[in-house]
PDB file of N, CA and C in Angstrom:
ATOM      1  N   MET A   1      28.003  14.163 -63.574  1.00  0.00           N
ATOM      2  CA  MET A   1      26.854  13.593 -62.982  1.00  0.00           C
ATOM      3  C   MET A   1      27.036  13.554 -61.473  1.00  0.00           C
ATOM      4  N   ARG A   2      25.979  13.938 -60.742  1.00  0.00           N
ATOM      5  CA  ARG A   2      26.037  13.969 -59.274  1.00  0.00           C
ATOM      6  C   ARG A   2      25.625  12.619 -58.692  1.00  0.00           C
ATOM      7  N   PRO A   3      26.318  12.158 -57.642  1.00  0.00           N
ATOM      8  CA  PRO A   3      25.930  10.874 -57.034  1.00  0.00           C
ATOM      9  C   PRO A   3      24.570  11.007 -56.336  1.00  0.00           C
ATOM     10  N   GLN A   4      23.831   9.935 -56.329  1.00  0.00           N
ATOM     11  CA  GLN A   4      22.516   9.918 -55.665  1.00  0.00           C
ATOM     12  C   GLN A   4      22.720   9.745 -54.163  1.00  0.00           C
ATOM     13  N   ILE A   5      22.013  10.531 -53.370  1.00  0.00           N
ATOM     14  CA  ILE A   5      22.085  10.436 -51.900  1.00  0.00           C
ATOM     15  C   ILE A   5      20.702  10.068 -51.395  1.00  0.00           C
ATOM     16  N   ALA A   6      20.635   9.020 -50.616  1.00  0.00           N
ATOM     17  CA  ALA A   6      19.350   8.608 -50.052  1.00  0.00           C
ATOM     18  C   ALA A   6      19.046   9.462 -48.830  1.00  0.00           C
ATOM     19  N   GLU A   7      17.813   9.923 -48.748  1.00  0.00           N
ATOM     20  CA  GLU A   7      17.409  10.726 -47.587  1.00  0.00           C
ATOM     21  C   GLU A   7      16.918   9.796 -46.478  1.00  0.00           C
ATOM     22  N   THR A   8      17.328  10.106 -45.292  1.00  0.00           N
ATOM     23  CA  THR A   8      16.844   9.370 -44.136  1.00  0.00           C
ATOM     24  C   THR A   8      15.505   9.968 -43.746  1.00  0.00           C
ATOM     25  N   PRO A   9      14.472   9.137 -43.558  1.00  0.00           N
ATOM     26  CA  PRO A   9      13.178   9.701 -43.171  1.00  0.00           C
ATOM     27  C   PRO A   9      13.292  10.399 -41.816  1.00  0.00           C
ATOM     28  N   LYS A  10      12.577  11.523 -41.692  1.00  0.00           N
ATOM     29  CA  LYS A  10      12.582  12.276 -40.441  1.00  0.00           C
ATOM     30  C   LYS A  10      11.725  11.560 -39.408  1.00  0.00           C
ATOM     31  N   ALA A  11      12.104  11.700 -38.160  1.00  0.00           N
ATOM     32  CA  ALA A  11      11.333  11.111 -37.066  1.00  0.00           C
ATOM     33  C   ALA A  11       9.978  11.784 -37.001  1.00  0.00           C
ATOM     34  N   ASP A  12       8.974  11.013 -36.608  1.00  0.00           N
ATOM     35  CA  ASP A  12       7.626  11.551 -36.480  1.00  0.00           C
ATOM     36  C   ASP A  12       7.600  12.569 -35.348  1.00  0.00           C
ATOM     37  N   THR A  13       7.279  13.782 -35.684  1.00  0.00           N
ATOM     38  CA  THR A  13       7.221  14.833 -34.660  1.00  0.00           C
ATOM     39  C   THR A  13       5.790  15.203 -34.339  1.00  0.00           C
ATOM     40  N   GLY A  14       4.829  14.365 -34.734  1.00  0.00           N
ATOM     41  CA  GLY A  14       3.416  14.626 -34.467  1.00  0.00           C
ATOM     42  C   GLY A  14       3.101  14.430 -32.991  1.00  0.00           C
ATOM     43  N   PRO A  15       1.879  14.703 -32.631  1.00  0.00           N
ATOM     44  CA  PRO A  15       1.499  14.570 -31.209  1.00  0.00           C
ATOM     45  C   PRO A  15       1.628  13.126 -30.737  1.00  0.00           C
ATOM     46  N   ARG A  16       2.088  12.976 -29.526  1.00  0.00           N
ATOM     47  CA  ARG A  16       2.261  11.643 -28.942  1.00  0.00           C
ATOM     48  C   ARG A  16       1.194  11.414 -27.890  1.00  0.00           C
ATOM     49  N   ARG A  17       0.804  10.182 -27.781  1.00  0.00           N
ATOM     50  CA  ARG A  17      -0.151   9.820 -26.730  1.00  0.00           C
ATOM     51  C   ARG A  17       0.632   9.571 -25.451  1.00  0.00           C
ATOM     52  N   PRO A  18       0.195  10.185 -24.368  1.00  0.00           N
ATOM     53  CA  PRO A  18       0.930   9.943 -23.115  1.00  0.00           C
ATOM     54  C   PRO A  18       0.704   8.523 -22.625  1.00  0.00           C
ATOM     55  N   GLY A  19       1.766   7.911 -22.175  1.00  0.00           N
ATOM     56  CA  GLY A  19       1.677   6.572 -21.593  1.00  0.00           C
ATOM     57  C   GLY A  19       1.397   6.705 -20.109  1.00  0.00           C
ATOM     58  N   PRO A  20       1.277   5.603 -19.414  1.00  0.00           N
ATOM     59  CA  PRO A  20       1.051   5.685 -17.975  1.00  0.00           C
ATOM     60  C   PRO A  20       2.241   6.337 -17.284  1.00  0.00           C
ATOM     61  N   ALA A  21       1.932   7.240 -16.362  1.00  0.00           N
ATOM     62  CA  ALA A  21       2.988   7.967 -15.650  1.00  0.00           C
ATOM     63  C   ALA A  21       3.755   7.035 -14.713  1.00  0.00           C
ATOM     64  N   VAL A  22       3.029   6.132 -14.052  1.00  0.00           N
ATOM     65  CA  VAL A  22       3.657   5.214 -13.109  1.00  0.00           C
ATOM     66  C   VAL A  22       3.127   3.822 -13.392  1.00  0.00           C
ATOM     67  N   SER A  23       4.001   2.887 -13.484  1.00  0.00           N
ATOM     68  CA  SER A  23       3.604   1.499 -13.666  1.00  0.00           C
ATOM     69  C   SER A  23       3.857   0.778 -12.347  1.00  0.00           C
ATOM     70  N   GLU A  24       2.769   0.361 -11.699  1.00  0.00           N
ATOM     71  CA  GLU A  24       2.903  -0.312 -10.411  1.00  0.00           C
ATOM     72  C   GLU A  24       2.756  -1.812 -10.617  1.00  0.00           C
ATOM     73  N   GLU A  25       3.681  -2.546 -10.093  1.00  0.00           N
ATOM     74  CA  GLU A  25       3.613  -3.993 -10.150  1.00  0.00           C
ATOM     75  C   GLU A  25       3.615  -4.518  -8.726  1.00  0.00           C
ATOM     76  N   GLY A  26       2.757  -5.465  -8.473  1.00  0.00           N
ATOM     77  CA  GLY A  26       2.691  -6.061  -7.156  1.00  0.00           C
ATOM     78  C   GLY A  26       1.923  -5.202  -6.169  1.00  0.00           C
ATOM     79  N   PRO A  27       1.777  -5.700  -4.958  1.00  0.00           N
ATOM     80  CA  PRO A  27       1.003  -4.983  -3.940  1.00  0.00           C
ATOM     81  C   PRO A  27       1.711  -3.708  -3.466  1.00  0.00           C
ATOM     82  N   PHE A  28       0.919  -2.768  -2.986  1.00  0.00           N
ATOM     83  CA  PHE A  28       1.471  -1.517  -2.468  1.00  0.00           C
ATOM     84  C   PHE A  28       1.788  -1.623  -0.984  1.00  0.00           C
ATOM     85  N   TYR A  29       1.508  -2.786  -0.396  1.00  0.00           N
ATOM     86  CA  TYR A  29       1.774  -2.980   1.036  1.00  0.00           C
ATOM     87  C   TYR A  29       2.153  -4.433   1.294  1.00  0.00           C
ATOM     88  N   ASP A  30       2.735  -4.665   2.472  1.00  0.00           N
ATOM     89  CA  ASP A  30       3.027  -6.004   2.960  1.00  0.00           C
ATOM     90  C   ASP A  30       2.405  -6.145   4.338  1.00  0.00           C
ATOM     91  N   SER A  31       1.997  -7.346   4.696  1.00  0.00           N
ATOM     92  CA  SER A  31       1.458  -7.565   6.047  1.00  0.00           C
ATOM     93  C   SER A  31       2.185  -8.736   6.698  1.00  0.00           C
ATOM     94  N   PHE A  32       2.404  -8.587   7.999  1.00  0.00           N
ATOM     95  CA  PHE A  32       3.155  -9.570   8.769  1.00  0.00           C
ATOM     96  C   PHE A  32       2.453  -9.812  10.103  1.00  0.00           C
ATOM     97  N   PRO A  33       2.232 -11.070  10.484  1.00  0.00           N
ATOM     98  CA  PRO A  33       1.695 -11.328  11.823  1.00  0.00           C
ATOM     99  C   PRO A  33       2.762 -10.981  12.866  1.00  0.00           C
ATOM    100  N   ILE A  34       2.314 -10.493  13.993  1.00  0.00           N
ATOM    101  CA  ILE A  34       3.236 -10.143  15.076  1.00  0.00           C
ATOM    102  C   ILE A  34       3.033 -11.150  16.201  1.00  0.00           C
ATOM    103  N   ALA A  35       4.076 -11.833  16.577  1.00  0.00           N
ATOM    104  CA  ALA A  35       4.000 -12.811  17.662  1.00  0.00           C
ATOM    105  C   ALA A  35       3.959 -12.086  19.004  1.00  0.00           C
ATOM    106  N   LEU A  36       3.059 -12.523  19.864  1.00  0.00           N
ATOM    107  CA  LEU A  36       2.950 -11.958  21.210  1.00  0.00           C
ATOM    108  C   LEU A  36       3.372 -13.004  22.231  1.00  0.00           C
ATOM    109  N   LYS A  37       3.895 -12.533  23.334  1.00  0.00           N
ATOM    110  CA  LYS A  37       4.242 -13.441  24.425  1.00  0.00           C
ATOM    111  C   LYS A  37       2.958 -13.929  25.076  1.00  0.00           C
ATOM    112  N   GLY A  38       3.032 -15.066  25.720  1.00  0.00           N
ATOM    113  CA  GLY A  38       1.857 -15.691  26.330  1.00  0.00           C
ATOM    114  C   GLY A  38       1.035 -14.765  27.207  1.00  0.00           C
ATOM    115  N   ASN A  39       1.681 -13.938  28.021  1.00  0.00           N
ATOM    116  CA  ASN A  39       0.941 -13.065  28.944  1.00  0.00           C
ATOM    117  C   ASN A  39       0.420 -11.801  28.258  1.00  0.00           C
ATOM    118  N   GLN A  40       0.744 -11.572  26.980  1.00  0.00           N
ATOM    119  CA  GLN A  40       0.251 -10.402  26.271  1.00  0.00           C
ATOM    120  C   GLN A  40      -1.068 -10.656  25.556  1.00  0.00           C
ATOM    121  N   LYS A  41      -1.484 -11.902  25.442  1.00  0.00           N
ATOM    122  CA  LYS A  41      -2.687 -12.223  24.677  1.00  0.00           C
ATOM    123  C   LYS A  41      -3.932 -11.664  25.364  1.00  0.00           C
ATOM    124  N   PRO A  42      -4.765 -10.943  24.602  1.00  0.00           N
ATOM    125  CA  PRO A  42      -5.980 -10.375  25.196  1.00  0.00           C
ATOM    126  C   PRO A  42      -6.998 -11.461  25.513  1.00  0.00           C
ATOM    127  N   ALA A  43      -7.727 -11.292  26.598  1.00  0.00           N
ATOM    128  CA  ALA A  43      -8.701 -12.290  27.036  1.00  0.00           C
ATOM    129  C   ALA A  43      -9.934 -12.318  26.135  1.00  0.00           C
ATOM    130  N   ASN A  44     -10.262 -11.206  25.509  1.00  0.00           N
ATOM    131  CA  ASN A  44     -11.506 -11.122  24.736  1.00  0.00           C
ATOM    132  C   ASN A  44     -11.313 -11.345  23.242  1.00  0.00           C
ATOM    133  N   ASP A  45     -10.203 -11.904  22.807  1.00  0.00           N
ATOM    134  CA  ASP A  45      -9.905 -12.170  21.402  1.00  0.00           C
ATOM    135  C   ASP A  45      -9.791 -10.890  20.574  1.00  0.00           C
ATOM    136  N   GLN A  46      -9.629  -9.749  21.242  1.00  0.00           N
ATOM    137  CA  GLN A  46      -9.436  -8.482  20.522  1.00  0.00           C
ATOM    138  C   GLN A  46      -8.049  -8.469  19.907  1.00  0.00           C
ATOM    139  N   CYS A  47      -7.957  -7.996  18.690  1.00  0.00           N
ATOM    140  CA  CYS A  47      -6.690  -7.948  17.977  1.00  0.00           C
ATOM    141  C   CYS A  47      -6.299  -6.497  17.713  1.00  0.00           C
ATOM    142  N   SER A  48      -5.076  -6.294  17.258  1.00  0.00           N
ATOM    143  CA  SER A  48      -4.638  -4.943  16.894  1.00  0.00           C
ATOM    144  C   SER A  48      -3.854  -5.009  15.595  1.00  0.00           C
ATOM    145  N   VAL A  49      -3.879  -3.895  14.877  1.00  0.00           N
ATOM    146  CA  VAL A  49      -3.120  -3.788  13.642  1.00  0.00           C
ATOM    147  C   VAL A  49      -2.293  -2.512  13.719  1.00  0.00           C
ATOM    148  N   THR A  50      -1.032  -2.613  13.348  1.00  0.00           N
ATOM    149  CA  THR A  50      -0.152  -1.446  13.284  1.00  0.00           C
ATOM    150  C   THR A  50       0.106  -1.144  11.822  1.00  0.00           C
ATOM    151  N   PHE A  51      -0.254   0.077  11.425  1.00  0.00           N
ATOM    152  CA  PHE A  51       0.012   0.550  10.068  1.00  0.00           C
ATOM    153  C   PHE A  51       1.269   1.402  10.107  1.00  0.00           C
ATOM    154  N   THR A  52       2.210   1.140   9.218  1.00  0.00           N
ATOM    155  CA  THR A  52       3.436   1.924   9.108  1.00  0.00           C
ATOM    156  C   THR A  52       3.524   2.468   7.691  1.00  0.00           C
ATOM    157  N   ASN A  53       3.678   3.776   7.570  1.00  0.00           N
ATOM    158  CA  ASN A  53       3.740   4.432   6.268  1.00  0.00           C
ATOM    159  C   ASN A  53       5.199   4.618   5.851  1.00  0.00           C
ATOM    160  N   LEU A  54       5.680   3.772   4.956  1.00  0.00           N
ATOM    161  CA  LEU A  54       7.039   3.908   4.433  1.00  0.00           C
ATOM    162  C   LEU A  54       7.045   4.531   3.037  1.00  0.00           C
ATOM    163  N   SER A  55       5.887   5.055   2.616  1.00  0.00           N
ATOM    164  CA  SER A  55       5.844   5.737   1.322  1.00  0.00           C
ATOM    165  C   SER A  55       6.475   7.118   1.487  1.00  0.00           C
ATOM    166  N   GLU A  56       6.598   7.824   0.402  1.00  0.00           N
ATOM    167  CA  GLU A  56       7.243   9.139   0.438  1.00  0.00           C
ATOM    168  C   GLU A  56       6.260  10.282   0.661  1.00  0.00           C
ATOM    169  N   ARG A  57       5.002   9.941   0.990  1.00  0.00           N
ATOM    170  CA  ARG A  57       3.988  10.985   1.162  1.00  0.00           C
ATOM    171  C   ARG A  57       3.040  10.616   2.295  1.00  0.00           C
ATOM    172  N   GLY A  58       2.287  11.605   2.734  1.00  0.00           N
ATOM    173  CA  GLY A  58       1.281  11.358   3.747  1.00  0.00           C
ATOM    174  C   GLY A  58       0.117  10.581   3.157  1.00  0.00           C
ATOM    175  N   ILE A  59      -0.558   9.797   4.002  1.00  0.00           N
ATOM    176  CA  ILE A  59      -1.693   8.989   3.553  1.00  0.00           C
ATOM    177  C   ILE A  59      -2.831   9.097   4.550  1.00  0.00           C
ATOM    178  N   LYS A  60      -4.033   8.715   4.121  1.00  0.00           N
ATOM    179  CA  LYS A  60      -5.198   8.625   4.996  1.00  0.00           C
ATOM    180  C   LYS A  60      -5.679   7.188   4.983  1.00  0.00           C
ATOM    181  N   LEU A  61      -5.885   6.621   6.181  1.00  0.00           N
ATOM    182  CA  LEU A  61      -6.331   5.239   6.342  1.00  0.00           C
ATOM    183  C   LEU A  61      -7.700   5.225   6.990  1.00  0.00           C
ATOM    184  N   ARG A  62      -8.476   4.196   6.658  1.00  0.00           N
ATOM    185  CA  ARG A  62      -9.758   4.001   7.314  1.00  0.00           C
ATOM    186  C   ARG A  62      -9.946   2.516   7.552  1.00  0.00           C
ATOM    187  N   THR A  63     -10.301   2.177   8.776  1.00  0.00           N
ATOM    188  CA  THR A  63     -10.688   0.815   9.122  1.00  0.00           C
ATOM    189  C   THR A  63     -11.906   0.924  10.031  1.00  0.00           C
ATOM    190  N   GLY A  64     -13.002   0.337   9.595  1.00  0.00           N
ATOM    191  CA  GLY A  64     -14.258   0.485  10.326  1.00  0.00           C
ATOM    192  C   GLY A  64     -14.630   1.951  10.409  1.00  0.00           C
ATOM    193  N   ASP A  65     -14.925   2.423  11.616  1.00  0.00           N
ATOM    194  CA  ASP A  65     -15.265   3.843  11.798  1.00  0.00           C
ATOM    195  C   ASP A  65     -14.059   4.667  12.243  1.00  0.00           C
ATOM    196  N   GLN A  66     -12.881   4.079  12.182  1.00  0.00           N
ATOM    197  CA  GLN A  66     -11.654   4.773  12.580  1.00  0.00           C
ATOM    198  C   GLN A  66     -10.928   5.315  11.357  1.00  0.00           C
ATOM    199  N   GLU A  67     -10.533   6.578  11.412  1.00  0.00           N
ATOM    200  CA  GLU A  67      -9.771   7.175  10.322  1.00  0.00           C
ATOM    201  C   GLU A  67      -8.520   7.820  10.893  1.00  0.00           C
ATOM    202  N   ARG A  68      -7.400   7.635  10.197  1.00  0.00           N
ATOM    203  CA  ARG A  68      -6.124   8.204  10.646  1.00  0.00           C
ATOM    204  C   ARG A  68      -5.368   8.767   9.460  1.00  0.00           C
ATOM    205  N   ALA A  69      -4.682   9.869   9.684  1.00  0.00           N
ATOM    206  CA  ALA A  69      -3.751  10.425   8.702  1.00  0.00           C
ATOM    207  C   ALA A  69      -2.347  10.096   9.194  1.00  0.00           C
ATOM    208  N   LEU A  70      -1.520   9.587   8.300  1.00  0.00           N
ATOM    209  CA  LEU A  70      -0.142   9.235   8.656  1.00  0.00           C
ATOM    210  C   LEU A  70       0.814   9.966   7.727  1.00  0.00           C
ATOM    211  N   ALA A  71       1.718  10.720   8.302  1.00  0.00           N
ATOM    212  CA  ALA A  71       2.777  11.349   7.511  1.00  0.00           C
ATOM    213  C   ALA A  71       3.777  10.268   7.112  1.00  0.00           C
ATOM    214  N   ALA A  72       4.619  10.559   6.150  1.00  0.00           N
ATOM    215  CA  ALA A  72       5.660   9.607   5.741  1.00  0.00           C
ATOM    216  C   ALA A  72       6.503   9.231   6.957  1.00  0.00           C
ATOM    217  N   GLY A  73       6.716   7.933   7.163  1.00  0.00           N
ATOM    218  CA  GLY A  73       7.528   7.451   8.275  1.00  0.00           C
ATOM    219  C   GLY A  73       6.765   7.227   9.567  1.00  0.00           C
ATOM    220  N   GLU A  74       5.506   7.599   9.651  1.00  0.00           N
ATOM    221  CA  GLU A  74       4.724   7.438  10.889  1.00  0.00           C
ATOM    222  C   GLU A  74       4.032   6.084  10.951  1.00  0.00           C
ATOM    223  N   SER A  75       3.654   5.704  12.193  1.00  0.00           N
ATOM    224  CA  SER A  75       2.907   4.468  12.448  1.00  0.00           C
ATOM    225  C   SER A  75       1.758   4.764  13.384  1.00  0.00           C
ATOM    226  N   THR A  76       0.745   3.907  13.342  1.00  0.00           N
ATOM    227  CA  THR A  76      -0.361   3.974  14.290  1.00  0.00           C
ATOM    228  C   THR A  76      -0.868   2.563  14.533  1.00  0.00           C
ATOM    229  N   THR A  77      -1.348   2.303  15.740  1.00  0.00           N
ATOM    230  CA  THR A  77      -1.899   0.996  16.093  1.00  0.00           C
ATOM    231  C   THR A  77      -3.370   1.166  16.422  1.00  0.00           C
ATOM    232  N   LEU A  78      -4.204   0.310  15.837  1.00  0.00           N
ATOM    233  CA  LEU A  78      -5.654   0.392  16.017  1.00  0.00           C
ATOM    234  C   LEU A  78      -6.212  -0.959  16.454  1.00  0.00           C
ATOM    235  N   PRO A  79      -7.241  -0.949  17.305  1.00  0.00           N
ATOM    236  CA  PRO A  79      -7.903  -2.204  17.654  1.00  0.00           C
ATOM    237  C   PRO A  79      -8.785  -2.649  16.488  1.00  0.00           C
ATOM    238  N   VAL A  80      -8.793  -3.954  16.204  1.00  0.00           N
ATOM    239  CA  VAL A  80      -9.609  -4.498  15.115  1.00  0.00           C
ATOM    240  C   VAL A  80     -10.155  -5.866  15.527  1.00  0.00           C
ATOM    241  N   GLN A  81     -11.136  -6.323  14.793  1.00  0.00           N
ATOM    242  CA  GLN A  81     -11.623  -7.693  14.943  1.00  0.00           C
ATOM    243  C   GLN A  81     -10.669  -8.611  14.199  1.00  0.00           C
ATOM    244  N   ARG A  82     -10.795  -9.896  14.415  1.00  0.00           N
ATOM    245  CA  ARG A  82      -9.904 -10.861  13.771  1.00  0.00           C
ATOM    246  C   ARG A  82      -9.981 -10.757  12.240  1.00  0.00           C
ATOM    247  N   GLN A  83     -11.146 -10.458  11.706  1.00  0.00           N
ATOM    248  CA  GLN A  83     -11.301 -10.209  10.279  1.00  0.00           C
ATOM    249  C   GLN A  83     -11.770  -8.765  10.133  1.00  0.00           C
ATOM    250  N   PHE A  84     -11.074  -7.991   9.288  1.00  0.00           N
ATOM    251  CA  PHE A  84     -11.410  -6.579   9.143  1.00  0.00           C
ATOM    252  C   PHE A  84     -11.103  -6.104   7.728  1.00  0.00           C
ATOM    253  N   VAL A  85     -11.655  -4.944   7.390  1.00  0.00           N
ATOM    254  CA  VAL A  85     -11.431  -4.319   6.088  1.00  0.00           C
ATOM    255  C   VAL A  85     -10.803  -2.963   6.347  1.00  0.00           C
ATOM    256  N   TRP A  86      -9.787  -2.638   5.571  1.00  0.00           N
ATOM    257  CA  TRP A  86      -9.169  -1.314   5.689  1.00  0.00           C
ATOM    258  C   TRP A  86      -9.000  -0.732   4.297  1.00  0.00           C
ATOM    259  N   ARG A  87      -8.867   0.578   4.266  1.00  0.00           N
ATOM    260  CA  ARG A  87      -8.738   1.257   2.982  1.00  0.00           C
ATOM    261  C   ARG A  87      -7.809   2.453   3.120  1.00  0.00           C
ATOM    262  N   MET A  88      -6.956   2.598   2.121  1.00  0.00           N
ATOM    263  CA  MET A  88      -6.114   3.784   2.022  1.00  0.00           C
ATOM    264  C   MET A  88      -6.741   4.676   0.960  1.00  0.00           C
ATOM    265  N   GLU A  89      -6.823   5.966   1.235  1.00  0.00           N
ATOM    266  CA  GLU A  89      -7.430   6.890   0.288  1.00  0.00           C
ATOM    267  C   GLU A  89      -6.792   6.735  -1.094  1.00  0.00           C
ATOM    268  N   GLY A  90      -7.629   6.598  -2.132  1.00  0.00           N
ATOM    269  CA  GLY A  90      -7.133   6.434  -3.491  1.00  0.00           C
ATOM    270  C   GLY A  90      -6.889   4.990  -3.895  1.00  0.00           C
ATOM    271  N   ARG A  91      -7.145   4.052  -2.985  1.00  0.00           N
ATOM    272  CA  ARG A  91      -6.932   2.627  -3.264  1.00  0.00           C
ATOM    273  C   ARG A  91      -8.212   1.850  -2.962  1.00  0.00           C
ATOM    274  N   GLU A  92      -8.272   0.616  -3.476  1.00  0.00           N
ATOM    275  CA  GLU A  92      -9.408  -0.246  -3.187  1.00  0.00           C
ATOM    276  C   GLU A  92      -9.313  -0.775  -1.761  1.00  0.00           C
ATOM    277  N   ALA A  93     -10.465  -1.149  -1.204  1.00  0.00           N
ATOM    278  CA  ALA A  93     -10.518  -1.717   0.143  1.00  0.00           C
ATOM    279  C   ALA A  93      -9.776  -3.048   0.171  1.00  0.00           C
ATOM    280  N   GLN A  94      -9.129  -3.322   1.291  1.00  0.00           N
ATOM    281  CA  GLN A  94      -8.340  -4.551   1.486  1.00  0.00           C
ATOM    282  C   GLN A  94      -8.952  -5.364   2.618  1.00  0.00           C
ATOM    283  N   ASN A  95      -9.155  -6.651   2.389  1.00  0.00           N
ATOM    284  CA  ASN A  95      -9.661  -7.561   3.416  1.00  0.00           C
ATOM    285  C   ASN A  95      -8.480  -8.241   4.088  1.00  0.00           C
ATOM    286  N   GLU A  96      -8.470  -8.224   5.403  1.00  0.00           N
ATOM    287  CA  GLU A  96      -7.393  -8.870   6.164  1.00  0.00           C
ATOM    288  C   GLU A  96      -7.997  -9.812   7.186  1.00  0.00           C
ATOM    289  N   LYS A  97      -7.279 -10.862   7.482  1.00  0.00           N
ATOM    290  CA  LYS A  97      -7.692 -11.812   8.511  1.00  0.00           C
ATOM    291  C   LYS A  97      -6.480 -12.146   9.361  1.00  0.00           C
ATOM    292  N   ILE A  98      -6.621 -11.977  10.642  1.00  0.00           N
ATOM    293  CA  ILE A  98      -5.549 -12.318  11.580  1.00  0.00           C
ATOM    294  C   ILE A  98      -5.757 -13.781  11.956  1.00  0.00           C
ATOM    295  N   GLY A  99      -4.749 -14.588  11.713  1.00  0.00           N
ATOM    296  CA  GLY A  99      -4.847 -16.033  11.887  1.00  0.00           C
ATOM    297  C   GLY A  99      -5.085 -16.463  13.333  1.00  0.00           C
ATOM    298  N   ALA A 100      -5.625 -17.645  13.480  1.00  0.00           N
ATOM    299  CA  ALA A 100      -5.844 -18.221  14.809  1.00  0.00           C
ATOM    300  C   ALA A 100      -4.507 -18.315  15.531  1.00  0.00           C
ATOM    301  N   GLY A 101      -4.492 -17.928  16.772  1.00  0.00           N
ATOM    302  CA  GLY A 101      -3.255 -17.953  17.550  1.00  0.00           C
ATOM    303  C   GLY A 101      -2.463 -16.659  17.452  1.00  0.00           C
ATOM    304  N   ASP A 102      -2.784 -15.800  16.475  1.00  0.00           N
ATOM    305  CA  ASP A 102      -2.145 -14.486  16.361  1.00  0.00           C
ATOM    306  C   ASP A 102      -3.123 -13.432  16.873  1.00  0.00           C
ATOM    307  N   TYR A 103      -2.581 -12.338  17.390  1.00  0.00           N
ATOM    308  CA  TYR A 103      -3.436 -11.275  17.916  1.00  0.00           C
ATOM    309  C   TYR A 103      -3.037  -9.901  17.413  1.00  0.00           C
ATOM    310  N   ALA A 104      -2.017  -9.848  16.578  1.00  0.00           N
ATOM    311  CA  ALA A 104      -1.558  -8.553  16.075  1.00  0.00           C
ATOM    312  C   ALA A 104      -1.033  -8.723  14.659  1.00  0.00           C
ATOM    313  N   LEU A 105      -1.160  -7.641  13.897  1.00  0.00           N
ATOM    314  CA  LEU A 105      -0.719  -7.637  12.509  1.00  0.00           C
ATOM    315  C   LEU A 105      -0.014  -6.330  12.223  1.00  0.00           C
ATOM    316  N   GLN A 106       1.042  -6.392  11.448  1.00  0.00           N
ATOM    317  CA  GLN A 106       1.796  -5.192  11.002  1.00  0.00           C
ATOM    318  C   GLN A 106       1.518  -5.044   9.516  1.00  0.00           C
ATOM    319  N   ILE A 107       1.038  -3.869   9.098  1.00  0.00           N
ATOM    320  CA  ILE A 107       0.836  -3.576   7.685  1.00  0.00           C
ATOM    321  C   ILE A 107       1.776  -2.447   7.329  1.00  0.00           C
ATOM    322  N   VAL A 108       2.678  -2.720   6.388  1.00  0.00           N
ATOM    323  CA  VAL A 108       3.687  -1.739   5.965  1.00  0.00           C
ATOM    324  C   VAL A 108       3.313  -1.244   4.574  1.00  0.00           C
ATOM    325  N   ILE A 109       2.996   0.041   4.479  1.00  0.00           N
ATOM    326  CA  ILE A 109       2.604   0.647   3.211  1.00  0.00           C
ATOM    327  C   ILE A 109       3.857   1.200   2.555  1.00  0.00           C
ATOM    328  N   ARG A 110       4.140   0.734   1.347  1.00  0.00           N
ATOM    329  CA  ARG A 110       5.384   1.092   0.673  1.00  0.00           C
ATOM    330  C   ARG A 110       5.213   2.128  -0.429  1.00  0.00           C
ATOM    331  N   ARG A 111       4.019   2.258  -0.990  1.00  0.00           N
ATOM    332  CA  ARG A 111       3.771   3.276  -2.031  1.00  0.00           C
ATOM    333  C   ARG A 111       2.341   3.675  -2.078  1.00  0.00           C
TER     334      ARG A 111
END
């Protein structure tokens, strides 16, 4: 008499549904107020924002009627109102507000 051998079921080799290619958690950028010295403050309450692209690819930014392309590692500084909206191509628009007493903002794009 031959001993009984249990067969192990084969793994499912049918078509698989692709999952998300990239899972992003948290914001794709950080923003930091930039302190200015007393004599650097603009008289007309005009503010500026510096965008720095630390992602691994080039990006396109738009704030108001200004549009800029930034290669990986590049930065640009743009004049803005104290409250402004900016958008990176492929992302939703972002609302920013530069606090009272501040006149500059640094936005670092990480992905």
